[in-house]
Amino acid sequence: MVAQREMHDAMAVRRCCERVTRTEIRHLREMAEQIYKFATASKPREMDEMDRHLHARLIHLSGSSMLNRLAGSYRLLCRSAGASRDAK
């Protein structure tokens, strides 16, 4: 599943490079810096949440409906995998 996310992210970033504004780049950078701060402060839950927001934002900014659908499917798979792990 991680390989799929990496592939989706690579496509999204490639498309973002053609579309985003400087303001959007600044916002993405701020999100990445916040992820780093959470990581160095040993706040994994906050880091994971911000990481998901960053990846969702990249997919959105890509403007690709196909990537949006694929990312949605990936999120569902992760949730169901997490739910089955929690049930054990």
PDB file of N, CA and C in Angstrom:
ATOM      1  N   MET A   1       0.820  -1.200   0.000  1.00  0.00           N
ATOM      2  CA  MET A   1       0.000   0.000   0.000  1.00  0.00           C
ATOM      3  C   MET A   1       0.860   1.259   0.000  1.00  0.00           C
ATOM      4  N   VAL A   2       2.002   1.198   0.663  1.00  0.00           N
ATOM      5  CA  VAL A   2       2.878   2.368   0.711  1.00  0.00           C
ATOM      6  C   VAL A   2       3.376   2.718  -0.683  1.00  0.00           C
ATOM      7  N   ALA A   3       3.678   1.702  -1.488  1.00  0.00           N
ATOM      8  CA  ALA A   3       4.150   1.952  -2.855  1.00  0.00           C
ATOM      9  C   ALA A   3       3.085   2.667  -3.671  1.00  0.00           C
ATOM     10  N   GLN A   4       1.818   2.317  -3.451  1.00  0.00           N
ATOM     11  CA  GLN A   4       0.738   3.005  -4.160  1.00  0.00           C
ATOM     12  C   GLN A   4       0.678   4.464  -3.771  1.00  0.00           C
ATOM     13  N   ARG A   5       0.802   4.742  -2.477  1.00  0.00           N
ATOM     14  CA  ARG A   5       0.751   6.130  -2.017  1.00  0.00           C
ATOM     15  C   ARG A   5       1.914   6.926  -2.602  1.00  0.00           C
ATOM     16  N   GLU A   6       3.092   6.323  -2.628  1.00  0.00           N
ATOM     17  CA  GLU A   6       4.256   7.004  -3.198  1.00  0.00           C
ATOM     18  C   GLU A   6       4.037   7.323  -4.672  1.00  0.00           C
ATOM     19  N   MET A   7       3.447   6.391  -5.399  1.00  0.00           N
ATOM     20  CA  MET A   7       3.180   6.604  -6.815  1.00  0.00           C
ATOM     21  C   MET A   7       2.154   7.727  -7.009  1.00  0.00           C
ATOM     22  N   HIS A   8       1.098   7.721  -6.204  1.00  0.00           N
ATOM     23  CA  HIS A   8       0.075   8.768  -6.287  1.00  0.00           C
ATOM     24  C   HIS A   8       0.674  10.127  -5.951  1.00  0.00           C
ATOM     25  N   ASP A   9       1.491  10.152  -4.896  1.00  0.00           N
ATOM     26  CA  ASP A   9       2.112  11.414  -4.490  1.00  0.00           C
ATOM     27  C   ASP A   9       3.021  11.958  -5.583  1.00  0.00           C
ATOM     28  N   ALA A  10       3.795  11.072  -6.199  1.00  0.00           N
ATOM     29  CA  ALA A  10       4.708  11.513  -7.264  1.00  0.00           C
ATOM     30  C   ALA A  10       3.928  12.126  -8.422  1.00  0.00           C
ATOM     31  N   MET A  11       2.830  11.485  -8.814  1.00  0.00           N
ATOM     32  CA  MET A  11       2.001  12.043  -9.892  1.00  0.00           C
ATOM     33  C   MET A  11       1.390  13.372  -9.473  1.00  0.00           C
ATOM     34  N   ALA A  12       0.914  13.439  -8.243  1.00  0.00           N
ATOM     35  CA  ALA A  12       0.283  14.672  -7.755  1.00  0.00           C
ATOM     36  C   ALA A  12       1.290  15.817  -7.726  1.00  0.00           C
ATOM     37  N   VAL A  13       2.477  15.552  -7.210  1.00  0.00           N
ATOM     38  CA  VAL A  13       3.493  16.604  -7.128  1.00  0.00           C
ATOM     39  C   VAL A  13       3.892  17.066  -8.528  1.00  0.00           C
ATOM     40  N   ARG A  14       4.044  16.137  -9.438  1.00  0.00           N
ATOM     41  CA  ARG A  14       4.380  16.500 -10.817  1.00  0.00           C
ATOM     42  C   ARG A  14       3.332  17.446 -11.394  1.00  0.00           C
ATOM     43  N   ARG A  15       2.073  17.126 -11.175  1.00  0.00           N
ATOM     44  CA  ARG A  15       0.997  17.981 -11.687  1.00  0.00           C
ATOM     45  C   ARG A  15       0.941  19.310 -10.935  1.00  0.00           C
ATOM     46  N   CYS A  16       1.198  19.273  -9.629  1.00  0.00           N
ATOM     47  CA  CYS A  16       1.199  20.507  -8.831  1.00  0.00           C
ATOM     48  C   CYS A  16       2.245  21.490  -9.341  1.00  0.00           C
ATOM     49  N   CYS A  17       3.393  20.981  -9.724  1.00  0.00           N
ATOM     50  CA  CYS A  17       4.473  21.854 -10.196  1.00  0.00           C
ATOM     51  C   CYS A  17       4.028  22.690 -11.401  1.00  0.00           C
ATOM     52  N   GLU A  18       3.086  22.181 -12.141  1.00  0.00           N
ATOM     53  CA  GLU A  18       2.579  22.896 -13.311  1.00  0.00           C
ATOM     54  C   GLU A  18       1.438  23.845 -12.974  1.00  0.00           C
ATOM     55  N   ARG A  19       0.861  23.744 -11.773  1.00  0.00           N
ATOM     56  CA  ARG A  19      -0.386  24.436 -11.488  1.00  0.00           C
ATOM     57  C   ARG A  19      -0.388  25.390 -10.295  1.00  0.00           C
ATOM     58  N   VAL A  20       0.408  25.128  -9.272  1.00  0.00           N
ATOM     59  CA  VAL A  20       0.252  25.845  -8.012  1.00  0.00           C
ATOM     60  C   VAL A  20       0.853  27.254  -8.047  1.00  0.00           C
ATOM     61  N   THR A  21       0.322  28.073  -7.172  1.00  0.00           N
ATOM     62  CA  THR A  21       0.807  29.446  -7.027  1.00  0.00           C
ATOM     63  C   THR A  21       1.860  29.499  -5.920  1.00  0.00           C
ATOM     64  N   ARG A  22       2.546  30.616  -5.836  1.00  0.00           N
ATOM     65  CA  ARG A  22       3.538  30.796  -4.768  1.00  0.00           C
ATOM     66  C   ARG A  22       2.866  30.729  -3.394  1.00  0.00           C
ATOM     67  N   THR A  23       1.659  31.251  -3.305  1.00  0.00           N
ATOM     68  CA  THR A  23       0.923  31.204  -2.032  1.00  0.00           C
ATOM     69  C   THR A  23       0.647  29.766  -1.629  1.00  0.00           C
ATOM     70  N   GLU A  24       0.243  28.941  -2.577  1.00  0.00           N
ATOM     71  CA  GLU A  24      -0.022  27.537  -2.279  1.00  0.00           C
ATOM     72  C   GLU A  24       1.264  26.808  -1.891  1.00  0.00           C
ATOM     73  N   ILE A  25       2.365  27.144  -2.546  1.00  0.00           N
ATOM     74  CA  ILE A  25       3.657  26.541  -2.192  1.00  0.00           C
ATOM     75  C   ILE A  25       4.031  26.923  -0.762  1.00  0.00           C
ATOM     76  N   ARG A  26       3.825  28.173  -0.413  1.00  0.00           N
ATOM     77  CA  ARG A  26       4.129  28.637   0.941  1.00  0.00           C
ATOM     78  C   ARG A  26       3.289  27.872   1.969  1.00  0.00           C
ATOM     79  N   HIS A  27       2.012  27.663   1.658  1.00  0.00           N
ATOM     80  CA  HIS A  27       1.133  26.926   2.569  1.00  0.00           C
ATOM     81  C   HIS A  27       1.603  25.470   2.717  1.00  0.00           C
ATOM     82  N   LEU A  28       1.986  24.835   1.625  1.00  0.00           N
ATOM     83  CA  LEU A  28       2.491  23.460   1.685  1.00  0.00           C
ATOM     84  C   LEU A  28       3.766  23.386   2.523  1.00  0.00           C
ATOM     85  N   ARG A  29       4.629  24.378   2.353  1.00  0.00           N
ATOM     86  CA  ARG A  29       5.865  24.410   3.133  1.00  0.00           C
ATOM     87  C   ARG A  29       5.560  24.547   4.626  1.00  0.00           C
ATOM     88  N   GLU A  30       4.595  25.386   4.952  1.00  0.00           N
ATOM     89  CA  GLU A  30       4.203  25.555   6.357  1.00  0.00           C
ATOM     90  C   GLU A  30       3.675  24.249   6.933  1.00  0.00           C
ATOM     91  N   MET A  31       2.906  23.525   6.130  1.00  0.00           N
ATOM     92  CA  MET A  31       2.392  22.237   6.585  1.00  0.00           C
ATOM     93  C   MET A  31       3.546  21.265   6.839  1.00  0.00           C
ATOM     94  N   ALA A  32       4.517  21.229   5.930  1.00  0.00           N
ATOM     95  CA  ALA A  32       5.675  20.337   6.090  1.00  0.00           C
ATOM     96  C   ALA A  32       6.476  20.714   7.335  1.00  0.00           C
ATOM     97  N   GLU A  33       6.632  22.005   7.569  1.00  0.00           N
ATOM     98  CA  GLU A  33       7.355  22.446   8.769  1.00  0.00           C
ATOM     99  C   GLU A  33       6.608  22.044  10.039  1.00  0.00           C
ATOM    100  N   GLN A  34       5.288  22.098   9.999  1.00  0.00           N
ATOM    101  CA  GLN A  34       4.498  21.686  11.161  1.00  0.00           C
ATOM    102  C   GLN A  34       4.650  20.191  11.412  1.00  0.00           C
ATOM    103  N   ILE A  35       4.691  19.414  10.355  1.00  0.00           N
ATOM    104  CA  ILE A  35       4.912  17.965  10.491  1.00  0.00           C
ATOM    105  C   ILE A  35       6.247  17.719  11.178  1.00  0.00           C
ATOM    106  N   TYR A  36       7.268  18.436  10.754  1.00  0.00           N
ATOM    107  CA  TYR A  36       8.597  18.295  11.354  1.00  0.00           C
ATOM    108  C   TYR A  36       8.562  18.660  12.837  1.00  0.00           C
ATOM    109  N   LYS A  37       7.892  19.753  13.165  1.00  0.00           N
ATOM    110  CA  LYS A  37       7.806  20.173  14.568  1.00  0.00           C
ATOM    111  C   LYS A  37       7.115  19.114  15.425  1.00  0.00           C
ATOM    112  N   PHE A  38       6.029  18.561  14.907  1.00  0.00           N
ATOM    113  CA  PHE A  38       5.344  17.504  15.654  1.00  0.00           C
ATOM    114  C   PHE A  38       6.259  16.285  15.827  1.00  0.00           C
ATOM    115  N   ALA A  39       7.001  15.942  14.780  1.00  0.00           N
ATOM    116  CA  ALA A  39       7.892  14.780  14.847  1.00  0.00           C
ATOM    117  C   ALA A  39       8.981  14.984  15.885  1.00  0.00           C
ATOM    118  N   THR A  40       9.590  16.165  15.894  1.00  0.00           N
ATOM    119  CA  THR A  40      10.679  16.419  16.840  1.00  0.00           C
ATOM    120  C   THR A  40      10.168  16.624  18.268  1.00  0.00           C
ATOM    121  N   ALA A  41       8.879  16.921  18.410  1.00  0.00           N
ATOM    122  CA  ALA A  41       8.280  17.085  19.737  1.00  0.00           C
ATOM    123  C   ALA A  41       7.640  15.791  20.232  1.00  0.00           C
ATOM    124  N   SER A  42       7.878  14.697  19.515  1.00  0.00           N
ATOM    125  CA  SER A  42       7.316  13.386  19.872  1.00  0.00           C
ATOM    126  C   SER A  42       5.797  13.436  19.997  1.00  0.00           C
ATOM    127  N   LYS A  43       5.160  14.007  18.975  1.00  0.00           N
ATOM    128  CA  LYS A  43       3.698  14.055  18.908  1.00  0.00           C
ATOM    129  C   LYS A  43       3.249  13.300  17.654  1.00  0.00           C
ATOM    130  N   PRO A  44       3.323  11.972  17.698  1.00  0.00           N
ATOM    131  CA  PRO A  44       3.038  11.193  16.489  1.00  0.00           C
ATOM    132  C   PRO A  44       1.606  11.324  15.972  1.00  0.00           C
ATOM    133  N   ARG A  45       0.645  11.440  16.860  1.00  0.00           N
ATOM    134  CA  ARG A  45      -0.749  11.539  16.407  1.00  0.00           C
ATOM    135  C   ARG A  45      -0.960  12.824  15.608  1.00  0.00           C
ATOM    136  N   GLU A  46      -0.447  13.949  16.126  1.00  0.00           N
ATOM    137  CA  GLU A  46      -0.570  15.226  15.442  1.00  0.00           C
ATOM    138  C   GLU A  46       0.219  15.217  14.132  1.00  0.00           C
ATOM    139  N   MET A  47       1.402  14.591  14.169  1.00  0.00           N
ATOM    140  CA  MET A  47       2.227  14.485  12.972  1.00  0.00           C
ATOM    141  C   MET A  47       1.499  13.696  11.882  1.00  0.00           C
ATOM    142  N   ASP A  48       0.916  12.553  12.256  1.00  0.00           N
ATOM    143  CA  ASP A  48       0.191  11.725  11.288  1.00  0.00           C
ATOM    144  C   ASP A  48      -0.988  12.478  10.685  1.00  0.00           C
ATOM    145  N   GLU A  49      -1.721  13.193  11.527  1.00  0.00           N
ATOM    146  CA  GLU A  49      -2.875  13.941  11.034  1.00  0.00           C
ATOM    147  C   GLU A  49      -2.449  15.028  10.041  1.00  0.00           C
ATOM    148  N   MET A  50      -1.409  15.782  10.392  1.00  0.00           N
ATOM    149  CA  MET A  50      -0.940  16.841   9.501  1.00  0.00           C
ATOM    150  C   MET A  50      -0.368  16.246   8.215  1.00  0.00           C
ATOM    151  N   ASP A  51       0.291  15.100   8.325  1.00  0.00           N
ATOM    152  CA  ASP A  51       0.820  14.421   7.151  1.00  0.00           C
ATOM    153  C   ASP A  51      -0.299  14.037   6.189  1.00  0.00           C
ATOM    154  N   ARG A  52      -1.388  13.511   6.752  1.00  0.00           N
ATOM    155  CA  ARG A  52      -2.537  13.158   5.905  1.00  0.00           C
ATOM    156  C   ARG A  52      -3.117  14.399   5.226  1.00  0.00           C
ATOM    157  N   HIS A  53      -3.182  15.501   5.973  1.00  0.00           N
ATOM    158  CA  HIS A  53      -3.691  16.750   5.382  1.00  0.00           C
ATOM    159  C   HIS A  53      -2.787  17.231   4.244  1.00  0.00           C
ATOM    160  N   LEU A  54      -1.489  17.126   4.448  1.00  0.00           N
ATOM    161  CA  LEU A  54      -0.552  17.560   3.410  1.00  0.00           C
ATOM    162  C   LEU A  54      -0.736  16.732   2.142  1.00  0.00           C
ATOM    163  N   HIS A  55      -0.811  15.426   2.285  1.00  0.00           N
ATOM    164  CA  HIS A  55      -0.972  14.563   1.114  1.00  0.00           C
ATOM    165  C   HIS A  55      -2.318  14.797   0.432  1.00  0.00           C
ATOM    166  N   ALA A  56      -3.350  14.994   1.221  1.00  0.00           N
ATOM    167  CA  ALA A  56      -4.669  15.290   0.633  1.00  0.00           C
ATOM    168  C   ALA A  56      -4.635  16.611  -0.119  1.00  0.00           C
ATOM    169  N   ARG A  57      -3.920  17.586   0.423  1.00  0.00           N
ATOM    170  CA  ARG A  57      -3.810  18.886  -0.244  1.00  0.00           C
ATOM    171  C   ARG A  57      -3.062  18.761  -1.564  1.00  0.00           C
ATOM    172  N   LEU A  58      -1.997  17.968  -1.575  1.00  0.00           N
ATOM    173  CA  LEU A  58      -1.265  17.753  -2.829  1.00  0.00           C
ATOM    174  C   LEU A  58      -2.159  17.122  -3.887  1.00  0.00           C
ATOM    175  N   ILE A  59      -2.919  16.125  -3.472  1.00  0.00           N
ATOM    176  CA  ILE A  59      -3.832  15.465  -4.417  1.00  0.00           C
ATOM    177  C   ILE A  59      -4.854  16.473  -4.937  1.00  0.00           C
ATOM    178  N   HIS A  60      -5.412  17.271  -4.046  1.00  0.00           N
ATOM    179  CA  HIS A  60      -6.398  18.275  -4.450  1.00  0.00           C
ATOM    180  C   HIS A  60      -5.786  19.282  -5.434  1.00  0.00           C
ATOM    181  N   LEU A  61      -4.602  19.786  -5.100  1.00  0.00           N
ATOM    182  CA  LEU A  61      -3.956  20.788  -5.951  1.00  0.00           C
ATOM    183  C   LEU A  61      -3.544  20.228  -7.314  1.00  0.00           C
ATOM    184  N   SER A  62      -3.408  18.912  -7.387  1.00  0.00           N
ATOM    185  CA  SER A  62      -3.043  18.305  -8.673  1.00  0.00           C
ATOM    186  C   SER A  62      -4.140  18.518  -9.707  1.00  0.00           C
ATOM    187  N   GLY A  63      -5.373  18.691  -9.217  1.00  0.00           N
ATOM    188  CA  GLY A  63      -6.496  18.891 -10.129  1.00  0.00           C
ATOM    189  C   GLY A  63      -6.925  17.629 -10.859  1.00  0.00           C
ATOM    190  N   SER A  64      -6.455  16.488 -10.418  1.00  0.00           N
ATOM    191  CA  SER A  64      -6.752  15.225 -11.088  1.00  0.00           C
ATOM    192  C   SER A  64      -7.874  14.485 -10.381  1.00  0.00           C
ATOM    193  N   SER A  65      -8.988  14.320 -11.060  1.00  0.00           N
ATOM    194  CA  SER A  65     -10.099  13.569 -10.464  1.00  0.00           C
ATOM    195  C   SER A  65      -9.725  12.099 -10.291  1.00  0.00           C
ATOM    196  N   MET A  66      -8.893  11.575 -11.190  1.00  0.00           N
ATOM    197  CA  MET A  66      -8.461  10.185 -11.076  1.00  0.00           C
ATOM    198  C   MET A  66      -7.632  10.000  -9.798  1.00  0.00           C
ATOM    199  N   LEU A  67      -6.677  10.914  -9.535  1.00  0.00           N
ATOM    200  CA  LEU A  67      -5.870  10.809  -8.319  1.00  0.00           C
ATOM    201  C   LEU A  67      -6.736  10.969  -7.075  1.00  0.00           C
ATOM    202  N   ASN A  68      -7.740  11.833  -7.141  1.00  0.00           N
ATOM    203  CA  ASN A  68      -8.657  11.985  -6.010  1.00  0.00           C
ATOM    204  C   ASN A  68      -9.376  10.672  -5.711  1.00  0.00           C
ATOM    205  N   ARG A  69      -9.861  10.004  -6.756  1.00  0.00           N
ATOM    206  CA  ARG A  69     -10.546   8.720  -6.557  1.00  0.00           C
ATOM    207  C   ARG A  69      -9.590   7.657  -6.025  1.00  0.00           C
ATOM    208  N   LEU A  70      -8.387   7.582  -6.591  1.00  0.00           N
ATOM    209  CA  LEU A  70      -7.403   6.600  -6.132  1.00  0.00           C
ATOM    210  C   LEU A  70      -7.013   6.847  -4.680  1.00  0.00           C
ATOM    211  N   ALA A  71      -6.827   8.103  -4.324  1.00  0.00           N
ATOM    212  CA  ALA A  71      -6.468   8.441  -2.947  1.00  0.00           C
ATOM    213  C   ALA A  71      -7.604   8.065  -1.994  1.00  0.00           C
ATOM    214  N   GLY A  72      -8.830   8.282  -2.422  1.00  0.00           N
ATOM    215  CA  GLY A  72      -9.985   7.889  -1.609  1.00  0.00           C
ATOM    216  C   GLY A  72     -10.017   6.388  -1.381  1.00  0.00           C
ATOM    217  N   SER A  73      -9.726   5.627  -2.426  1.00  0.00           N
ATOM    218  CA  SER A  73      -9.678   4.168  -2.300  1.00  0.00           C
ATOM    219  C   SER A  73      -8.563   3.741  -1.357  1.00  0.00           C
ATOM    220  N   TYR A  74      -7.428   4.416  -1.462  1.00  0.00           N
ATOM    221  CA  TYR A  74      -6.286   4.108  -0.593  1.00  0.00           C
ATOM    222  C   TYR A  74      -6.653   4.361   0.872  1.00  0.00           C
ATOM    223  N   ARG A  75      -7.327   5.489   1.131  1.00  0.00           N
ATOM    224  CA  ARG A  75      -7.725   5.806   2.508  1.00  0.00           C
ATOM    225  C   ARG A  75      -8.680   4.749   3.060  1.00  0.00           C
ATOM    226  N   LEU A  76      -9.614   4.293   2.229  1.00  0.00           N
ATOM    227  CA  LEU A  76     -10.541   3.244   2.669  1.00  0.00           C
ATOM    228  C   LEU A  76      -9.798   1.954   2.992  1.00  0.00           C
ATOM    229  N   LEU A  77      -8.841   1.581   2.156  1.00  0.00           N
ATOM    230  CA  LEU A  77      -8.061   0.369   2.407  1.00  0.00           C
ATOM    231  C   LEU A  77      -7.303   0.477   3.724  1.00  0.00           C
ATOM    232  N   CYS A  78      -6.711   1.631   3.954  1.00  0.00           N
ATOM    233  CA  CYS A  78      -5.953   1.829   5.199  1.00  0.00           C
ATOM    234  C   CYS A  78      -6.865   1.754   6.412  1.00  0.00           C
ATOM    235  N   ARG A  79      -8.041   2.357   6.307  1.00  0.00           N
ATOM    236  CA  ARG A  79      -8.984   2.306   7.432  1.00  0.00           C
ATOM    237  C   ARG A  79      -9.419   0.882   7.717  1.00  0.00           C
ATOM    238  N   SER A  80      -9.732   0.134   6.650  1.00  0.00           N
ATOM    239  CA  SER A  80     -10.187  -1.238   6.873  1.00  0.00           C
ATOM    240  C   SER A  80      -9.049  -2.103   7.397  1.00  0.00           C
ATOM    241  N   ALA A  81      -7.822  -1.866   6.967  1.00  0.00           N
ATOM    242  CA  ALA A  81      -6.674  -2.610   7.486  1.00  0.00           C
ATOM    243  C   ALA A  81      -6.475  -2.265   8.968  1.00  0.00           C
ATOM    244  N   GLY A  82      -6.611  -1.007   9.302  1.00  0.00           N
ATOM    245  CA  GLY A  82      -6.472  -0.585  10.700  1.00  0.00           C
ATOM    246  C   GLY A  82      -7.567  -1.168  11.570  1.00  0.00           C
ATOM    247  N   ALA A  83      -8.785  -1.215  11.044  1.00  0.00           N
ATOM    248  CA  ALA A  83      -9.908  -1.758  11.802  1.00  0.00           C
ATOM    249  C   ALA A  83      -9.723  -3.249  12.062  1.00  0.00           C
ATOM    250  N   SER A  84      -9.234  -3.970  11.057  1.00  0.00           N
ATOM    251  CA  SER A  84      -9.046  -5.405  11.252  1.00  0.00           C
ATOM    252  C   SER A  84      -7.893  -5.662  12.215  1.00  0.00           C
ATOM    253  N   ARG A  85      -6.876  -4.787  12.222  1.00  0.00           N
ATOM    254  CA  ARG A  85      -5.764  -4.919  13.155  1.00  0.00           C
ATOM    255  C   ARG A  85      -6.243  -4.638  14.580  1.00  0.00           C
ATOM    256  N   ASP A  86      -7.105  -3.627  14.742  1.00  0.00           N
ATOM    257  CA  ASP A  86      -7.619  -3.254  16.064  1.00  0.00           C
ATOM    258  C   ASP A  86      -8.518  -4.345  16.651  1.00  0.00           C
ATOM    259  N   ALA A  87      -9.188  -5.094  15.788  1.00  0.00           N
ATOM    260  CA  ALA A  87     -10.130  -6.123  16.246  1.00  0.00           C
ATOM    261  C   ALA A  87      -9.405  -7.319  16.880  1.00  0.00           C
ATOM    262  N   LYS A  88      -8.124  -7.468  16.564  1.00  0.00           N
ATOM    263  CA  LYS A  88      -7.383  -8.633  17.085  1.00  0.00           C
ATOM    264  C   LYS A  88      -7.041  -8.502  18.520  1.00  0.00           C
TER     265      LYS A  88
END
